[in-house]
Amino acid sequence: MTLFLGIFYHLEDPVRGFRTVRALTRDVCVIEGQVARFNETISTAWGNKQDIRSGPACAVIDADTHHASNPAGICLVPSLDALRKMILAAGFQRLEFVHPTSSLHEQFVNLDRVIGFAFV
């Protein structure tokens, strides 16, 4: 079991972080961290106006003193859908998120933080 707790949104390149964790994981990785509240998709013209592509969003937040380890001075906080997409793109085969109960910390209850199990 690999633990990746409260780290991904601190990284300058979170997808590379997930790939590294995937390479270290034999069975399951427990992932915990902050997610953005925005759950809509955003769109961009991909090369020309006919090729519009959409996908989940990621918030770009100025780092504070607790998150200053990122040399860019920012934190990349993915939406839940963006987090799912990054984890699966890193090579995990299956992902299950914990459904929070009201007894957990309010950040988990409000889906501002999540716990997931990523399987190889």
C-alpha atoms as a PDB file:
ATOM      1  CA  MET A   1       0.000   0.000   0.000  1.00  0.00           C
ATOM      2  CA  THR A   2       1.273   3.439  -0.945  1.00  0.00           C
ATOM      3  CA  LEU A   3       0.159   6.591   0.868  1.00  0.00           C
ATOM      4  CA  PHE A   4      -0.091   9.897  -1.026  1.00  0.00           C
ATOM      5  CA  LEU A   5      -1.641  12.114   1.624  1.00  0.00           C
ATOM      6  CA  GLY A   6      -2.079  15.882   1.324  1.00  0.00           C
ATOM      7  CA  ILE A   7       0.611  16.221  -1.314  1.00  0.00           C
ATOM      8  CA  PHE A   8      -0.652  16.431  -4.901  1.00  0.00           C
ATOM      9  CA  TYR A   9      -1.891  20.038  -4.768  1.00  0.00           C
ATOM     10  CA  HIS A  10       1.488  21.161  -3.392  1.00  0.00           C
ATOM     11  CA  LEU A  11       3.328  19.892  -6.471  1.00  0.00           C
ATOM     12  CA  GLU A  12       4.372  21.998  -9.425  1.00  0.00           C
ATOM     13  CA  ASP A  13       3.515  19.042 -11.690  1.00  0.00           C
ATOM     14  CA  PRO A  14       0.856  16.902  -9.976  1.00  0.00           C
ATOM     15  CA  VAL A  15       0.450  14.532 -12.946  1.00  0.00           C
ATOM     16  CA  ARG A  16       4.141  13.622 -12.737  1.00  0.00           C
ATOM     17  CA  GLY A  17       3.617  13.078  -9.007  1.00  0.00           C
ATOM     18  CA  PHE A  18       0.774  10.648  -9.694  1.00  0.00           C
ATOM     19  CA  ARG A  19       2.916   8.817 -12.269  1.00  0.00           C
ATOM     20  CA  THR A  20       5.733   8.476  -9.732  1.00  0.00           C
ATOM     21  CA  VAL A  21       3.328   7.194  -7.090  1.00  0.00           C
ATOM     22  CA  ARG A  22       1.852   4.751  -9.620  1.00  0.00           C
ATOM     23  CA  ALA A  23       5.340   3.400 -10.367  1.00  0.00           C
ATOM     24  CA  LEU A  24       5.844   2.789  -6.631  1.00  0.00           C
ATOM     25  CA  THR A  25       2.452   1.156  -6.056  1.00  0.00           C
ATOM     26  CA  ARG A  26       1.989  -2.598  -6.304  1.00  0.00           C
ATOM     27  CA  ASP A  27      -1.679  -2.894  -5.340  1.00  0.00           C
ATOM     28  CA  VAL A  28      -3.394   0.193  -3.956  1.00  0.00           C
ATOM     29  CA  CYS A  29      -2.562   3.815  -3.261  1.00  0.00           C
ATOM     30  CA  VAL A  30      -4.478   5.863  -0.687  1.00  0.00           C
ATOM     31  CA  ILE A  31      -4.801   9.421  -1.977  1.00  0.00           C
ATOM     32  CA  GLU A  32      -6.011  12.326   0.176  1.00  0.00           C
ATOM     33  CA  GLY A  33      -6.090  16.008  -0.547  1.00  0.00           C
ATOM     34  CA  GLN A  34      -7.786  19.275  -1.375  1.00  0.00           C
ATOM     35  CA  VAL A  35     -10.151  19.571  -4.329  1.00  0.00           C
ATOM     36  CA  ALA A  36     -11.768  22.591  -5.942  1.00  0.00           C
ATOM     37  CA  ARG A  37     -15.509  23.105  -5.572  1.00  0.00           C
ATOM     38  CA  PHE A  38     -16.027  23.858  -9.262  1.00  0.00           C
ATOM     39  CA  ASN A  39     -17.519  20.783 -10.913  1.00  0.00           C
ATOM     40  CA  GLU A  40     -18.393  22.099 -14.369  1.00  0.00           C
ATOM     41  CA  THR A  41     -16.292  21.532 -17.468  1.00  0.00           C
ATOM     42  CA  ILE A  42     -14.438  24.308 -19.259  1.00  0.00           C
ATOM     43  CA  SER A  43     -13.803  24.582 -22.981  1.00  0.00           C
ATOM     44  CA  THR A  44     -11.012  25.683 -25.261  1.00  0.00           C
ATOM     45  CA  ALA A  45     -10.530  25.936 -29.016  1.00  0.00           C
ATOM     46  CA  TRP A  46      -7.907  23.300 -29.764  1.00  0.00           C
ATOM     47  CA  GLY A  47      -5.998  24.618 -32.736  1.00  0.00           C
ATOM     48  CA  ASN A  48      -9.010  25.989 -34.598  1.00  0.00           C
ATOM     49  CA  LYS A  49     -12.518  27.211 -33.887  1.00  0.00           C
ATOM     50  CA  GLN A  50     -14.108  23.957 -35.085  1.00  0.00           C
ATOM     51  CA  ASP A  51     -12.174  21.790 -32.620  1.00  0.00           C
ATOM     52  CA  ILE A  52     -13.622  22.774 -29.244  1.00  0.00           C
ATOM     53  CA  ARG A  53     -12.560  20.505 -26.394  1.00  0.00           C
ATOM     54  CA  SER A  54     -13.926  20.399 -22.878  1.00  0.00           C
ATOM     55  CA  GLY A  55     -12.685  18.946 -19.640  1.00  0.00           C
ATOM     56  CA  PRO A  56     -12.689  19.271 -15.884  1.00  0.00           C
ATOM     57  CA  ALA A  57     -11.167  22.332 -14.274  1.00  0.00           C
ATOM     58  CA  CYS A  58      -8.247  23.003 -11.967  1.00  0.00           C
ATOM     59  CA  ALA A  59      -8.032  26.044  -9.675  1.00  0.00           C
ATOM     60  CA  VAL A  60      -4.751  27.958  -9.606  1.00  0.00           C
ATOM     61  CA  ILE A  61      -4.381  29.325  -6.084  1.00  0.00           C
ATOM     62  CA  ASP A  62      -1.638  31.589  -4.732  1.00  0.00           C
ATOM     63  CA  ALA A  63       0.450  29.607  -2.247  1.00  0.00           C
ATOM     64  CA  ASP A  64       0.401  30.713   1.369  1.00  0.00           C
ATOM     65  CA  THR A  65       3.096  30.111   3.987  1.00  0.00           C
ATOM     66  CA  HIS A  66       1.824  26.548   4.541  1.00  0.00           C
ATOM     67  CA  HIS A  67       2.128  25.724   0.838  1.00  0.00           C
ATOM     68  CA  ALA A  68       5.267  27.629  -0.109  1.00  0.00           C
ATOM     69  CA  SER A  69       7.235  24.517  -1.147  1.00  0.00           C
ATOM     70  CA  ASN A  70       6.042  24.887  -4.739  1.00  0.00           C
ATOM     71  CA  PRO A  71       8.699  26.994  -6.526  1.00  0.00           C
ATOM     72  CA  ALA A  72       6.027  28.522  -8.772  1.00  0.00           C
ATOM     73  CA  GLY A  73       4.356  30.073  -5.725  1.00  0.00           C
ATOM     74  CA  ILE A  74       0.995  28.530  -6.618  1.00  0.00           C
ATOM     75  CA  CYS A  75      -1.094  25.489  -5.736  1.00  0.00           C
ATOM     76  CA  LEU A  76      -2.938  23.584  -8.455  1.00  0.00           C
ATOM     77  CA  VAL A  77      -6.179  22.365  -6.897  1.00  0.00           C
ATOM     78  CA  PRO A  78      -8.135  20.062  -9.233  1.00  0.00           C
ATOM     79  CA  SER A  79     -11.873  19.571  -9.222  1.00  0.00           C
ATOM     80  CA  LEU A  80     -12.974  16.086  -8.221  1.00  0.00           C
ATOM     81  CA  ASP A  81     -13.424  15.160 -11.895  1.00  0.00           C
ATOM     82  CA  ALA A  82     -10.005  16.584 -12.796  1.00  0.00           C
ATOM     83  CA  LEU A  83      -8.411  14.642  -9.947  1.00  0.00           C
ATOM     84  CA  ARG A  84     -10.067  11.445 -11.191  1.00  0.00           C
ATOM     85  CA  LYS A  85      -8.817  12.114 -14.726  1.00  0.00           C
ATOM     86  CA  MET A  86      -5.226  12.791 -13.550  1.00  0.00           C
ATOM     87  CA  ILE A  87      -5.084   9.646 -11.410  1.00  0.00           C
ATOM     88  CA  LEU A  88      -6.363   7.400 -14.193  1.00  0.00           C
ATOM     89  CA  ALA A  89      -4.085   9.091 -16.758  1.00  0.00           C
ATOM     90  CA  ALA A  90      -1.146   8.255 -14.490  1.00  0.00           C
ATOM     91  CA  GLY A  91      -1.845   4.559 -15.044  1.00  0.00           C
ATOM     92  CA  PHE A  92      -4.079   3.472 -12.191  1.00  0.00           C
ATOM     93  CA  GLN A  93      -6.802   1.118 -13.425  1.00  0.00           C
ATOM     94  CA  ARG A  94      -9.587   1.878 -10.956  1.00  0.00           C
ATOM     95  CA  LEU A  95     -10.396   4.617  -8.474  1.00  0.00           C
ATOM     96  CA  GLU A  96     -12.861   4.661  -5.599  1.00  0.00           C
ATOM     97  CA  PHE A  97     -13.551   7.686  -3.430  1.00  0.00           C
ATOM     98  CA  VAL A  98     -14.709   7.425   0.176  1.00  0.00           C
ATOM     99  CA  HIS A  99     -18.249   8.726   0.656  1.00  0.00           C
ATOM    100  CA  PRO A 100     -17.988  10.997   3.704  1.00  0.00           C
ATOM    101  CA  THR A 101     -20.309  10.658   6.658  1.00  0.00           C
ATOM    102  CA  SER A 102     -21.404  13.599   8.787  1.00  0.00           C
ATOM    103  CA  SER A 103     -19.015  12.470  11.534  1.00  0.00           C
ATOM    104  CA  LEU A 104     -15.951  13.428   9.463  1.00  0.00           C
ATOM    105  CA  HIS A 105     -14.251  16.826   9.385  1.00  0.00           C
ATOM    106  CA  GLU A 106     -16.304  19.466   7.561  1.00  0.00           C
ATOM    107  CA  GLN A 107     -13.791  19.650   4.684  1.00  0.00           C
ATOM    108  CA  PHE A 108     -14.557  16.017   3.843  1.00  0.00           C
ATOM    109  CA  VAL A 109     -18.312  16.435   4.380  1.00  0.00           C
ATOM    110  CA  ASN A 110     -18.312  19.483   2.028  1.00  0.00           C
ATOM    111  CA  LEU A 111     -16.104  17.630  -0.513  1.00  0.00           C
ATOM    112  CA  ASP A 112     -13.347  20.233  -0.176  1.00  0.00           C
ATOM    113  CA  ARG A 113     -11.018  17.316   0.626  1.00  0.00           C
ATOM    114  CA  VAL A 114     -11.332  13.725  -0.523  1.00  0.00           C
ATOM    115  CA  ILE A 115      -9.905  10.309   0.223  1.00  0.00           C
ATOM    116  CA  GLY A 116      -9.573   7.855  -2.616  1.00  0.00           C
ATOM    117  CA  PHE A 117      -8.219   4.391  -3.267  1.00  0.00           C
ATOM    118  CA  ALA A 118      -6.387   4.021  -6.583  1.00  0.00           C
ATOM    119  CA  PHE A 119      -5.883   0.439  -7.722  1.00  0.00           C
ATOM    120  CA  VAL A 120      -3.209  -0.916 -10.044  1.00  0.00           C
END
